[in-house]
Amino acid sequence: MAVRLDQLFEIKSGDYHAVSELGSGDIPVVSCGDINHGYVGRFDVPRDKRYSDALTVAYNGPVLTVKFRPYVFGAKDDIGILIPKSKMDSVDLVYVATIINSMRWRFSYGRKCFREKLQLLVLNLPVKKQDDLTILDKDYIDELIGNRRIDMRPRVTARKLKDKLCANWKTVRLNDIFDLKRGDFHSISALGLGNNTTVSRTEKENGVVGRFERPDAAQLYPPGRITVSTVTGDAFVQVNEFMATDNVVILVPRSAQVLTTSYFIASLINQQKWRYGYGRQCYKEKLSNLEISIPWKNYRLDEKAIQQVVHSMKFWHFVESNIER
């Protein structure tokens, strides 16, 4: 059912334009940034300006990016805060965040989504009426997720790398380490169904839009390649052999790279995807000059240091086991 966002949430903007307004303290303050969950620092935030178990929406940077915040926080004024009007647990909030995030393509740095526009955002959500309130239909959501309503808040655990990481980083352009190539055909509408994984400009499903017959001029790329959507700037590591439409840029390493390096670099590209949108697309020439800072040793990528970082991530073994060999 189509429902306006302000029917489900009280929508506020953050309270601080600059953290210089605050003294040091223990409460995390967050902003619109994508790195470190938008964390700015810890400050002395008055109790009446603290929030918890809410969603935040970026006005700036990666516009309309939504984050679930299951902790007490303060907020800068470059984000909106969505406070549920009726009880929602972590599953409900993550579900709504996913739906809103799927609409990010409608906005960009040049077409921002401030509070007034955010209030009128219309979502397709399972809802029902209760005592004149519009509430989420939790039974419907449970059916979608297989009746597994669990606490989705992350557990805080201490993690340490066994070995000391290389501290040498170098700023390079993508075309210093990759040959960038656009996909080979424009449209999938004329293709019949087939066995070839096909990547296009979507930000969903790892960029995969289906499996189709291969056009004569289309190349098949091996798994492990990074693809970047020209529209959203989203970078994905492809887990299967694939072909791609021409609104995708494929990054072909200039020298052999291990899989962990591909995932690490994709994450660095994704940190800067806020720069792009439908009105400022990220074609090959523009992407080739994108700068990233990366571990560097002996005049090349320090893949051992990168590997240590990626192997320390909680879900790495799951990812590795699903890469087509």
C-alpha atoms as a PDB file:
ATOM      1  CA  MET A   1       0.000   0.000   0.000  1.00  0.00           C
ATOM      2  CA  ALA A   2       1.264   3.493  -0.804  1.00  0.00           C
ATOM      3  CA  VAL A   3       1.901   5.402   2.419  1.00  0.00           C
ATOM      4  CA  ARG A   4       3.619   8.706   3.176  1.00  0.00           C
ATOM      5  CA  LEU A   5       6.664   8.522   5.406  1.00  0.00           C
ATOM      6  CA  ASP A   6       5.242  11.022   7.886  1.00  0.00           C
ATOM      7  CA  GLN A   7       2.267   8.731   8.499  1.00  0.00           C
ATOM      8  CA  LEU A   8       4.611   6.226  10.154  1.00  0.00           C
ATOM      9  CA  PHE A   9       7.328   8.461  11.600  1.00  0.00           C
ATOM     10  CA  GLU A  10       7.849  11.762  13.300  1.00  0.00           C
ATOM     11  CA  ILE A  11      10.555  13.335  11.158  1.00  0.00           C
ATOM     12  CA  LYS A  12      13.067  15.670  12.767  1.00  0.00           C
ATOM     13  CA  SER A  13      16.306  17.176  11.553  1.00  0.00           C
ATOM     14  CA  GLY A  14      19.503  16.851  13.577  1.00  0.00           C
ATOM     15  CA  ASP A  15      20.260  19.517  16.151  1.00  0.00           C
ATOM     16  CA  TYR A  16      23.828  20.674  15.480  1.00  0.00           C
ATOM     17  CA  HIS A  17      25.420  22.360  12.505  1.00  0.00           C
ATOM     18  CA  ALA A  18      28.954  21.955  13.883  1.00  0.00           C
ATOM     19  CA  VAL A  19      30.337  19.820  16.701  1.00  0.00           C
ATOM     20  CA  SER A  20      32.138  22.918  17.970  1.00  0.00           C
ATOM     21  CA  GLU A  21      28.805  23.679  19.633  1.00  0.00           C
ATOM     22  CA  LEU A  22      29.370  20.695  21.930  1.00  0.00           C
ATOM     23  CA  GLY A  23      31.778  19.828  24.697  1.00  0.00           C
ATOM     24  CA  SER A  24      33.524  16.468  24.995  1.00  0.00           C
ATOM     25  CA  GLY A  25      31.481  13.608  26.406  1.00  0.00           C
ATOM     26  CA  ASP A  26      30.315  10.009  25.919  1.00  0.00           C
ATOM     27  CA  ILE A  27      27.437  10.240  23.428  1.00  0.00           C
ATOM     28  CA  PRO A  28      28.243   9.421  19.766  1.00  0.00           C
ATOM     29  CA  VAL A  29      27.252  12.145  17.329  1.00  0.00           C
ATOM     30  CA  VAL A  30      26.469  11.122  13.755  1.00  0.00           C
ATOM     31  CA  SER A  31      26.329  12.884  10.416  1.00  0.00           C
ATOM     32  CA  CYS A  32      25.451  12.137   6.771  1.00  0.00           C
ATOM     33  CA  GLY A  33      28.749  10.374   6.015  1.00  0.00           C
ATOM     34  CA  ASP A  34      28.880   6.763   4.880  1.00  0.00           C
ATOM     35  CA  ILE A  35      32.213   5.880   6.505  1.00  0.00           C
ATOM     36  CA  ASN A  36      32.092   4.459  10.055  1.00  0.00           C
ATOM     37  CA  HIS A  37      28.285   4.653  10.036  1.00  0.00           C
ATOM     38  CA  GLY A  38      28.494   8.447   9.857  1.00  0.00           C
ATOM     39  CA  TYR A  39      30.244   8.633  13.243  1.00  0.00           C
ATOM     40  CA  VAL A  40      31.754  12.061  13.986  1.00  0.00           C
ATOM     41  CA  GLY A  41      32.907  11.698  17.602  1.00  0.00           C
ATOM     42  CA  ARG A  42      31.710  11.547  21.211  1.00  0.00           C
ATOM     43  CA  PHE A  43      30.312  14.657  22.859  1.00  0.00           C
ATOM     44  CA  ASP A  44      28.228  15.963  25.736  1.00  0.00           C
ATOM     45  CA  VAL A  45      24.730  15.851  24.218  1.00  0.00           C
ATOM     46  CA  PRO A  46      21.795  17.123  26.344  1.00  0.00           C
ATOM     47  CA  ARG A  47      19.221  14.438  27.187  1.00  0.00           C
ATOM     48  CA  ASP A  48      16.451  16.163  25.237  1.00  0.00           C
ATOM     49  CA  LYS A  49      18.564  15.944  22.072  1.00  0.00           C
ATOM     50  CA  ARG A  50      19.456  12.273  22.330  1.00  0.00           C
ATOM     51  CA  TYR A  51      17.788   9.622  20.157  1.00  0.00           C
ATOM     52  CA  SER A  52      17.861   5.826  20.064  1.00  0.00           C
ATOM     53  CA  ASP A  53      16.382   2.898  18.105  1.00  0.00           C
ATOM     54  CA  ALA A  54      15.633   5.205  15.183  1.00  0.00           C
ATOM     55  CA  LEU A  55      16.501   5.594  11.508  1.00  0.00           C
ATOM     56  CA  THR A  56      18.557   8.430  10.088  1.00  0.00           C
ATOM     57  CA  VAL A  57      18.376   9.722   6.511  1.00  0.00           C
ATOM     58  CA  ALA A  58      21.211  11.583   4.787  1.00  0.00           C
ATOM     59  CA  TYR A  59      20.360  15.034   3.409  1.00  0.00           C
ATOM     60  CA  ASN A  60      23.883  15.569   2.072  1.00  0.00           C
ATOM     61  CA  GLY A  61      26.623  13.306   0.706  1.00  0.00           C
ATOM     62  CA  PRO A  62      24.998   9.923  -0.119  1.00  0.00           C
ATOM     63  CA  VAL A  63      21.500  11.457  -0.268  1.00  0.00           C
ATOM     64  CA  LEU A  64      18.591   9.371   1.097  1.00  0.00           C
ATOM     65  CA  THR A  65      20.935   6.739   2.532  1.00  0.00           C
ATOM     66  CA  VAL A  66      19.158   5.318   5.583  1.00  0.00           C
ATOM     67  CA  LYS A  67      20.873   3.806   8.612  1.00  0.00           C
ATOM     68  CA  PHE A  68      19.360   1.919  11.541  1.00  0.00           C
ATOM     69  CA  ARG A  69      20.801   3.229  14.819  1.00  0.00           C
ATOM     70  CA  PRO A  70      20.118   0.869  17.743  1.00  0.00           C
ATOM     71  CA  TYR A  71      22.033   3.015  20.230  1.00  0.00           C
ATOM     72  CA  VAL A  72      21.817   6.396  21.929  1.00  0.00           C
ATOM     73  CA  PHE A  73      23.119   9.159  19.655  1.00  0.00           C
ATOM     74  CA  GLY A  74      23.102  12.865  18.861  1.00  0.00           C
ATOM     75  CA  ALA A  75      22.820  14.181  15.325  1.00  0.00           C
ATOM     76  CA  LYS A  76      24.130  16.939  13.070  1.00  0.00           C
ATOM     77  CA  ASP A  77      21.648  18.888  10.987  1.00  0.00           C
ATOM     78  CA  ASP A  78      22.631  17.226   7.694  1.00  0.00           C
ATOM     79  CA  ILE A  79      20.479  14.176   8.507  1.00  0.00           C
ATOM     80  CA  GLY A  80      16.824  13.526   9.222  1.00  0.00           C
ATOM     81  CA  ILE A  81      15.789  11.375  12.171  1.00  0.00           C
ATOM     82  CA  LEU A  82      12.814   9.029  11.769  1.00  0.00           C
ATOM     83  CA  ILE A  83      11.123   8.359  15.120  1.00  0.00           C
ATOM     84  CA  PRO A  84       8.390   5.667  14.904  1.00  0.00           C
ATOM     85  CA  LYS A  85       4.876   6.837  15.793  1.00  0.00           C
ATOM     86  CA  SER A  86       3.977   3.280  16.851  1.00  0.00           C
ATOM     87  CA  LYS A  87       6.089   0.457  18.261  1.00  0.00           C
ATOM     88  CA  MET A  88       8.627  -0.956  15.807  1.00  0.00           C
ATOM     89  CA  ASP A  89      11.337  -3.452  16.657  1.00  0.00           C
ATOM     90  CA  SER A  90      14.681  -3.866  14.886  1.00  0.00           C
ATOM     91  CA  VAL A  91      13.210  -6.091  12.139  1.00  0.00           C
ATOM     92  CA  ASP A  92      10.573  -3.490  11.273  1.00  0.00           C
ATOM     93  CA  LEU A  93      13.098  -0.642  11.200  1.00  0.00           C
ATOM     94  CA  VAL A  94      15.593  -2.545   9.042  1.00  0.00           C
ATOM     95  CA  TYR A  95      12.757  -3.493   6.664  1.00  0.00           C
ATOM     96  CA  VAL A  96      11.676   0.153   6.252  1.00  0.00           C
ATOM     97  CA  ALA A  97      15.311   1.242   5.861  1.00  0.00           C
ATOM     98  CA  THR A  98      15.723  -1.256   3.010  1.00  0.00           C
ATOM     99  CA  ILE A  99      12.646   0.057   1.194  1.00  0.00           C
ATOM    100  CA  ILE A 100      13.778   3.687   1.489  1.00  0.00           C
ATOM    101  CA  ASN A 101      17.331   2.829   0.389  1.00  0.00           C
ATOM    102  CA  SER A 102      15.914   1.268  -2.782  1.00  0.00           C
ATOM    103  CA  MET A 103      14.688   4.766  -3.761  1.00  0.00           C
ATOM    104  CA  ARG A 104      18.055   6.529  -3.507  1.00  0.00           C
ATOM    105  CA  TRP A 105      18.350   6.730  -7.285  1.00  0.00           C
ATOM    106  CA  ARG A 106      15.694   9.469  -7.254  1.00  0.00           C
ATOM    107  CA  PHE A 107      17.999  11.889  -5.433  1.00  0.00           C
ATOM    108  CA  SER A 108      21.574  13.104  -5.629  1.00  0.00           C
ATOM    109  CA  TYR A 109      23.901  15.822  -4.392  1.00  0.00           C
ATOM    110  CA  GLY A 110      22.211  18.182  -6.858  1.00  0.00           C
ATOM    111  CA  ARG A 111      18.694  17.001  -5.969  1.00  0.00           C
ATOM    112  CA  LYS A 112      18.727  16.671  -2.223  1.00  0.00           C
ATOM    113  CA  CYS A 113      15.969  15.337  -0.008  1.00  0.00           C
ATOM    114  CA  PHE A 114      15.595  17.677   2.969  1.00  0.00           C
ATOM    115  CA  ARG A 115      12.950  17.308   5.680  1.00  0.00           C
ATOM    116  CA  GLU A 116      10.073  18.948   3.793  1.00  0.00           C
ATOM    117  CA  LYS A 117      10.549  16.658   0.811  1.00  0.00           C
ATOM    118  CA  LEU A 118      11.245  13.629   3.015  1.00  0.00           C
ATOM    119  CA  GLN A 119       7.913  14.002   4.813  1.00  0.00           C
ATOM    120  CA  LEU A 120       6.077  13.608   1.508  1.00  0.00           C
ATOM    121  CA  LEU A 121       8.092  10.578   0.319  1.00  0.00           C
ATOM    122  CA  VAL A 122       5.655   7.803  -0.638  1.00  0.00           C
ATOM    123  CA  LEU A 123       6.624   4.179   0.044  1.00  0.00           C
ATOM    124  CA  ASN A 124       4.978   0.907  -0.845  1.00  0.00           C
ATOM    125  CA  LEU A 125       4.751  -0.816   2.541  1.00  0.00           C
ATOM    126  CA  PRO A 126       2.509  -3.432   4.159  1.00  0.00           C
ATOM    127  CA  VAL A 127       0.375  -1.344   6.545  1.00  0.00           C
ATOM    128  CA  LYS A 128      -2.974  -1.474   8.311  1.00  0.00           C
ATOM    129  CA  LYS A 129      -5.120   0.815  10.438  1.00  0.00           C
ATOM    130  CA  GLN A 130      -5.251   0.552  14.227  1.00  0.00           C
ATOM    131  CA  ASP A 131      -7.004   3.127  16.415  1.00  0.00           C
ATOM    132  CA  ASP A 132      -6.802   5.756  13.647  1.00  0.00           C
ATOM    133  CA  LEU A 133      -3.039   5.125  13.326  1.00  0.00           C
ATOM    134  CA  THR A 134      -1.323   3.737  10.262  1.00  0.00           C
ATOM    135  CA  ILE A 135       0.967   0.937  11.441  1.00  0.00           C
ATOM    136  CA  LEU A 136       3.156  -1.665   9.790  1.00  0.00           C
ATOM    137  CA  ASP A 137       1.565  -5.046   9.135  1.00  0.00           C
ATOM    138  CA  LYS A 138       4.049  -7.139  11.098  1.00  0.00           C
ATOM    139  CA  ASP A 139       2.366 -10.423  10.157  1.00  0.00           C
ATOM    140  CA  TYR A 140       2.953  -9.693   6.486  1.00  0.00           C
ATOM    141  CA  ILE A 141       6.597  -8.788   7.131  1.00  0.00           C
ATOM    142  CA  ASP A 142       7.033 -12.024   9.104  1.00  0.00           C
ATOM    143  CA  GLU A 143       5.766 -14.006   6.119  1.00  0.00           C
ATOM    144  CA  LEU A 144       8.288 -12.253   3.871  1.00  0.00           C
ATOM    145  CA  ILE A 145      11.235 -13.040   6.140  1.00  0.00           C
ATOM    146  CA  GLY A 146      10.127 -16.566   7.026  1.00  0.00           C
ATOM    147  CA  ASN A 147       8.726 -15.887  10.501  1.00  0.00           C
ATOM    148  CA  ARG A 148      12.221 -15.299  11.882  1.00  0.00           C
ATOM    149  CA  ARG A 149      11.697 -12.155  13.955  1.00  0.00           C
ATOM    150  CA  ILE A 150      15.004 -11.890  15.778  1.00  0.00           C
ATOM    151  CA  ASP A 151      16.890  -9.000  17.318  1.00  0.00           C
ATOM    152  CA  MET A 152      18.866  -7.564  14.405  1.00  0.00           C
ATOM    153  CA  ARG A 153      20.985  -5.270  16.534  1.00  0.00           C
ATOM    154  CA  PRO A 154      24.670  -6.227  16.126  1.00  0.00           C
ATOM    155  CA  ARG A 155      26.515  -7.718  19.038  1.00  0.00           C
ATOM    156  CA  VAL A 156      29.551  -5.755  20.119  1.00  0.00           C
ATOM    157  CA  THR A 157      32.646  -7.925  20.177  1.00  0.00           C
ATOM    158  CA  ALA A 158      36.314  -7.104  20.421  1.00  0.00           C
ATOM    159  CA  ARG A 159      38.231  -7.986  17.265  1.00  0.00           C
ATOM    160  CA  LYS A 160      41.973  -7.861  16.830  1.00  0.00           C
ATOM    161  CA  LEU A 161      44.216  -8.621  13.902  1.00  0.00           C
ATOM    162  CA  LYS A 162      46.860 -11.166  14.804  1.00  0.00           C
ATOM    163  CA  ASP A 163      49.628  -9.451  12.859  1.00  0.00           C
ATOM    164  CA  LYS A 164      50.601  -5.820  12.562  1.00  0.00           C
ATOM    165  CA  LEU A 165      49.276  -4.260   9.378  1.00  0.00           C
ATOM    166  CA  CYS A 166      51.370  -2.274   6.929  1.00  0.00           C
ATOM    167  CA  ALA A 167      51.053   1.419   7.758  1.00  0.00           C
ATOM    168  CA  ASN A 168      52.140   2.637   4.319  1.00  0.00           C
ATOM    169  CA  TRP A 169      49.270   3.976   2.225  1.00  0.00           C
ATOM    170  CA  LYS A 170      49.354   5.582  -1.177  1.00  0.00           C
ATOM    171  CA  THR A 171      46.741   7.601  -3.054  1.00  0.00           C
ATOM    172  CA  VAL A 172      46.283   6.287  -6.592  1.00  0.00           C
ATOM    173  CA  ARG A 173      43.780   6.726  -9.401  1.00  0.00           C
ATOM    174  CA  LEU A 174      41.746   3.726 -10.503  1.00  0.00           C
ATOM    175  CA  ASN A 175      43.354   3.773 -13.933  1.00  0.00           C
ATOM    176  CA  ASP A 176      46.764   3.377 -12.271  1.00  0.00           C
ATOM    177  CA  ILE A 177      45.831  -0.179 -11.311  1.00  0.00           C
ATOM    178  CA  PHE A 178      42.962  -1.093 -13.668  1.00  0.00           C
ATOM    179  CA  ASP A 179      42.000  -0.942 -17.299  1.00  0.00           C
ATOM    180  CA  LEU A 180      38.440   0.363 -17.314  1.00  0.00           C
ATOM    181  CA  LYS A 181      36.022  -1.047 -19.887  1.00  0.00           C
ATOM    182  CA  ARG A 182      32.374  -0.342 -20.577  1.00  0.00           C
ATOM    183  CA  GLY A 183      29.961  -3.231 -21.051  1.00  0.00           C
ATOM    184  CA  ASP A 184      29.291  -4.511 -24.536  1.00  0.00           C
ATOM    185  CA  PHE A 185      25.600  -3.993 -25.337  1.00  0.00           C
ATOM    186  CA  HIS A 186      22.930  -1.419 -24.538  1.00  0.00           C
ATOM    187  CA  SER A 187      19.671  -3.200 -23.756  1.00  0.00           C
ATOM    188  CA  ILE A 188      18.468  -6.537 -22.433  1.00  0.00           C
ATOM    189  CA  SER A 189      14.967  -6.056 -23.862  1.00  0.00           C
ATOM    190  CA  ALA A 190      15.859  -7.817 -27.128  1.00  0.00           C
ATOM    191  CA  LEU A 191      17.587 -10.752 -25.434  1.00  0.00           C
ATOM    192  CA  GLY A 192      16.042 -14.143 -24.827  1.00  0.00           C
ATOM    193  CA  LEU A 193      16.377 -15.940 -21.534  1.00  0.00           C
ATOM    194  CA  GLY A 194      19.603 -17.905 -21.248  1.00  0.00           C
ATOM    195  CA  ASN A 195      22.403 -19.056 -18.974  1.00  0.00           C
ATOM    196  CA  ASN A 196      24.620 -15.956 -18.853  1.00  0.00           C
ATOM    197  CA  THR A 197      24.597 -13.862 -15.691  1.00  0.00           C
ATOM    198  CA  THR A 198      23.949 -10.290 -16.809  1.00  0.00           C
ATOM    199  CA  VAL A 199      25.028  -7.163 -14.928  1.00  0.00           C
ATOM    200  CA  SER A 200      23.407  -3.767 -15.487  1.00  0.00           C
ATOM    201  CA  ARG A 201      23.166  -0.402 -13.739  1.00  0.00           C
ATOM    202  CA  THR A 202      20.895  -1.476 -10.861  1.00  0.00           C
ATOM    203  CA  GLU A 203      22.073  -1.079  -7.255  1.00  0.00           C
ATOM    204  CA  LYS A 204      20.213  -4.264  -6.232  1.00  0.00           C
ATOM    205  CA  GLU A 205      21.165  -7.948  -6.333  1.00  0.00           C
ATOM    206  CA  ASN A 206      24.887  -7.236  -6.792  1.00  0.00           C
ATOM    207  CA  GLY A 207      24.038  -5.469 -10.048  1.00  0.00           C
ATOM    208  CA  VAL A 208      22.633  -8.659 -11.596  1.00  0.00           C
ATOM    209  CA  VAL A 209      19.387  -8.261 -13.583  1.00  0.00           C
ATOM    210  CA  GLY A 210      18.948 -11.866 -14.746  1.00  0.00           C
ATOM    211  CA  ARG A 211      20.369 -14.572 -16.992  1.00  0.00           C
ATOM    212  CA  PHE A 212      20.114 -14.093 -20.759  1.00  0.00           C
ATOM    213  CA  GLU A 213      21.426 -15.244 -24.118  1.00  0.00           C
ATOM    214  CA  ARG A 214      24.757 -13.661 -25.017  1.00  0.00           C
ATOM    215  CA  PRO A 215      24.845 -11.194 -27.946  1.00  0.00           C
ATOM    216  CA  ASP A 216      27.552 -11.950 -30.501  1.00  0.00           C
ATOM    217  CA  ALA A 217      29.683  -8.937 -29.513  1.00  0.00           C
ATOM    218  CA  ALA A 218      29.394  -9.451 -25.755  1.00  0.00           C
ATOM    219  CA  GLN A 219      32.389 -10.653 -23.782  1.00  0.00           C
ATOM    220  CA  LEU A 220      32.136 -12.983 -20.801  1.00  0.00           C
ATOM    221  CA  TYR A 221      34.150 -11.792 -17.797  1.00  0.00           C
ATOM    222  CA  PRO A 222      35.527 -14.073 -15.088  1.00  0.00           C
ATOM    223  CA  PRO A 223      34.226 -14.021 -11.491  1.00  0.00           C
ATOM    224  CA  GLY A 224      36.086 -11.708  -9.154  1.00  0.00           C
ATOM    225  CA  ARG A 225      35.909  -8.660 -11.433  1.00  0.00           C
ATOM    226  CA  ILE A 226      34.628  -5.360  -9.996  1.00  0.00           C
ATOM    227  CA  THR A 227      31.680  -3.764 -11.789  1.00  0.00           C
ATOM    228  CA  VAL A 228      30.519  -0.170 -11.219  1.00  0.00           C
ATOM    229  CA  SER A 229      27.063   1.183 -12.106  1.00  0.00           C
ATOM    230  CA  THR A 230      27.388   4.391 -14.120  1.00  0.00           C
ATOM    231  CA  VAL A 231      24.141   5.664 -12.579  1.00  0.00           C
ATOM    232  CA  THR A 232      24.557   4.994  -8.864  1.00  0.00           C
ATOM    233  CA  GLY A 233      28.329   4.518  -8.539  1.00  0.00           C
ATOM    234  CA  ASP A 234      27.736   1.213  -6.724  1.00  0.00           C
ATOM    235  CA  ALA A 235      30.700  -1.169  -6.980  1.00  0.00           C
ATOM    236  CA  PHE A 236      30.193  -4.936  -6.787  1.00  0.00           C
ATOM    237  CA  VAL A 237      32.486  -7.947  -6.994  1.00  0.00           C
ATOM    238  CA  GLN A 238      30.841 -10.446  -9.316  1.00  0.00           C
ATOM    239  CA  VAL A 239      30.650 -13.985  -7.979  1.00  0.00           C
ATOM    240  CA  ASN A 240      29.908 -15.685 -11.317  1.00  0.00           C
ATOM    241  CA  GLU A 241      31.115 -15.413 -14.890  1.00  0.00           C
ATOM    242  CA  PHE A 242      29.093 -12.547 -16.394  1.00  0.00           C
ATOM    243  CA  MET A 243      28.370 -10.191 -19.274  1.00  0.00           C
ATOM    244  CA  ALA A 244      27.473  -6.513 -18.857  1.00  0.00           C
ATOM    245  CA  THR A 245      25.427  -3.726 -20.440  1.00  0.00           C
ATOM    246  CA  ASP A 246      27.125  -0.510 -21.523  1.00  0.00           C
ATOM    247  CA  ASN A 247      25.965   1.418 -18.435  1.00  0.00           C
ATOM    248  CA  VAL A 248      28.365  -0.673 -16.371  1.00  0.00           C
ATOM    249  CA  VAL A 249      32.127  -0.160 -16.078  1.00  0.00           C
ATOM    250  CA  ILE A 250      34.236  -3.281 -15.615  1.00  0.00           C
ATOM    251  CA  LEU A 251      37.570  -2.943 -13.795  1.00  0.00           C
ATOM    252  CA  VAL A 252      40.205  -5.243 -15.293  1.00  0.00           C
ATOM    253  CA  PRO A 253      43.362  -5.482 -13.132  1.00  0.00           C
ATOM    254  CA  ARG A 254      46.583  -4.570 -14.917  1.00  0.00           C
ATOM    255  CA  SER A 255      48.336  -7.304 -12.924  1.00  0.00           C
ATOM    256  CA  ALA A 256      46.993 -10.373 -11.142  1.00  0.00           C
ATOM    257  CA  GLN A 257      45.040  -9.579  -7.953  1.00  0.00           C
ATOM    258  CA  VAL A 258      43.746 -11.879  -5.249  1.00  0.00           C
ATOM    259  CA  LEU A 259      40.039 -11.885  -4.436  1.00  0.00           C
ATOM    260  CA  THR A 260      40.405 -10.022  -1.149  1.00  0.00           C
ATOM    261  CA  THR A 261      41.916  -7.076  -3.031  1.00  0.00           C
ATOM    262  CA  SER A 262      38.852  -6.865  -5.279  1.00  0.00           C
ATOM    263  CA  TYR A 263      36.509  -6.668  -2.286  1.00  0.00           C
ATOM    264  CA  PHE A 264      38.709  -4.130  -0.523  1.00  0.00           C
ATOM    265  CA  ILE A 265      38.864  -1.827  -3.543  1.00  0.00           C
ATOM    266  CA  ALA A 266      35.117  -2.177  -4.183  1.00  0.00           C
ATOM    267  CA  SER A 267      34.502  -0.987  -0.620  1.00  0.00           C
ATOM    268  CA  LEU A 268      36.750   2.053  -1.212  1.00  0.00           C
ATOM    269  CA  ILE A 269      34.817   2.945  -4.366  1.00  0.00           C
ATOM    270  CA  ASN A 270      31.513   2.586  -2.511  1.00  0.00           C
ATOM    271  CA  GLN A 271      32.683   5.098   0.083  1.00  0.00           C
ATOM    272  CA  GLN A 272      32.619   7.704  -2.692  1.00  0.00           C
ATOM    273  CA  LYS A 273      29.474   6.692  -4.579  1.00  0.00           C
ATOM    274  CA  TRP A 274      27.626   9.663  -3.080  1.00  0.00           C
ATOM    275  CA  ARG A 275      29.392  11.718  -5.753  1.00  0.00           C
ATOM    276  CA  TYR A 276      27.234  10.180  -8.489  1.00  0.00           C
ATOM    277  CA  GLY A 277      23.576   9.915  -9.447  1.00  0.00           C
ATOM    278  CA  TYR A 278      21.225   9.851 -12.427  1.00  0.00           C
ATOM    279  CA  GLY A 279      21.996  13.521 -13.106  1.00  0.00           C
ATOM    280  CA  ARG A 280      25.756  13.067 -12.648  1.00  0.00           C
ATOM    281  CA  GLN A 281      26.539   9.676 -14.039  1.00  0.00           C
ATOM    282  CA  CYS A 282      29.832   7.934 -13.494  1.00  0.00           C
ATOM    283  CA  TYR A 283      31.098   7.006 -16.937  1.00  0.00           C
ATOM    284  CA  LYS A 284      34.470   5.449 -17.676  1.00  0.00           C
ATOM    285  CA  GLU A 285      36.451   8.669 -18.109  1.00  0.00           C
ATOM    286  CA  LYS A 286      35.212  10.150 -14.844  1.00  0.00           C
ATOM    287  CA  LEU A 287      35.647   6.903 -12.894  1.00  0.00           C
ATOM    288  CA  SER A 288      39.180   6.380 -14.199  1.00  0.00           C
ATOM    289  CA  ASN A 289      40.303   9.505 -12.306  1.00  0.00           C
ATOM    290  CA  LEU A 290      38.683   8.521  -9.004  1.00  0.00           C
ATOM    291  CA  GLU A 291      41.338   8.516  -6.282  1.00  0.00           C
ATOM    292  CA  ILE A 292      41.548   5.908  -3.517  1.00  0.00           C
ATOM    293  CA  SER A 293      44.048   5.471  -0.695  1.00  0.00           C
ATOM    294  CA  ILE A 294      45.289   1.912  -0.383  1.00  0.00           C
ATOM    295  CA  PRO A 295      48.077  -0.091   1.352  1.00  0.00           C
ATOM    296  CA  TRP A 296      51.200   0.117  -0.804  1.00  0.00           C
ATOM    297  CA  LYS A 297      54.564  -1.602  -0.553  1.00  0.00           C
ATOM    298  CA  ASN A 298      57.529  -2.063  -2.893  1.00  0.00           C
ATOM    299  CA  TYR A 299      55.920  -0.018  -5.698  1.00  0.00           C
ATOM    300  CA  ARG A 300      52.706  -2.059  -5.780  1.00  0.00           C
ATOM    301  CA  LEU A 301      49.548  -2.929  -3.841  1.00  0.00           C
ATOM    302  CA  ASP A 302      50.283  -4.490  -0.462  1.00  0.00           C
ATOM    303  CA  GLU A 303      47.924  -7.420  -0.910  1.00  0.00           C
ATOM    304  CA  LYS A 304      49.099  -9.165   2.247  1.00  0.00           C
ATOM    305  CA  ALA A 305      47.975  -6.231   4.406  1.00  0.00           C
ATOM    306  CA  ILE A 306      44.704  -5.975   2.472  1.00  0.00           C
ATOM    307  CA  GLN A 307      44.119  -9.696   2.916  1.00  0.00           C
ATOM    308  CA  GLN A 308      44.535  -9.418   6.682  1.00  0.00           C
ATOM    309  CA  VAL A 309      41.872  -6.720   6.825  1.00  0.00           C
ATOM    310  CA  VAL A 310      39.361  -8.591   4.671  1.00  0.00           C
ATOM    311  CA  HIS A 311      39.924 -11.936   6.398  1.00  0.00           C
ATOM    312  CA  SER A 312      39.107 -10.255   9.723  1.00  0.00           C
ATOM    313  CA  MET A 313      35.586  -9.419   8.517  1.00  0.00           C
ATOM    314  CA  LYS A 314      32.867 -11.557  10.060  1.00  0.00           C
ATOM    315  CA  PHE A 315      31.285 -12.877   6.834  1.00  0.00           C
ATOM    316  CA  TRP A 316      34.368 -13.325   4.676  1.00  0.00           C
ATOM    317  CA  HIS A 317      34.291 -17.140   4.659  1.00  0.00           C
ATOM    318  CA  PHE A 318      30.659 -17.079   3.500  1.00  0.00           C
ATOM    319  CA  VAL A 319      31.559 -14.753   0.619  1.00  0.00           C
ATOM    320  CA  GLU A 320      34.609 -16.788  -0.386  1.00  0.00           C
ATOM    321  CA  SER A 321      32.628 -20.040  -0.464  1.00  0.00           C
ATOM    322  CA  ASN A 322      30.101 -18.560  -2.917  1.00  0.00           C
ATOM    323  CA  ILE A 323      32.555 -17.348  -5.554  1.00  0.00           C
ATOM    324  CA  GLU A 324      32.349 -19.395  -8.753  1.00  0.00           C
ATOM    325  CA  ARG A 325      35.624 -21.160  -9.451  1.00  0.00           C
END
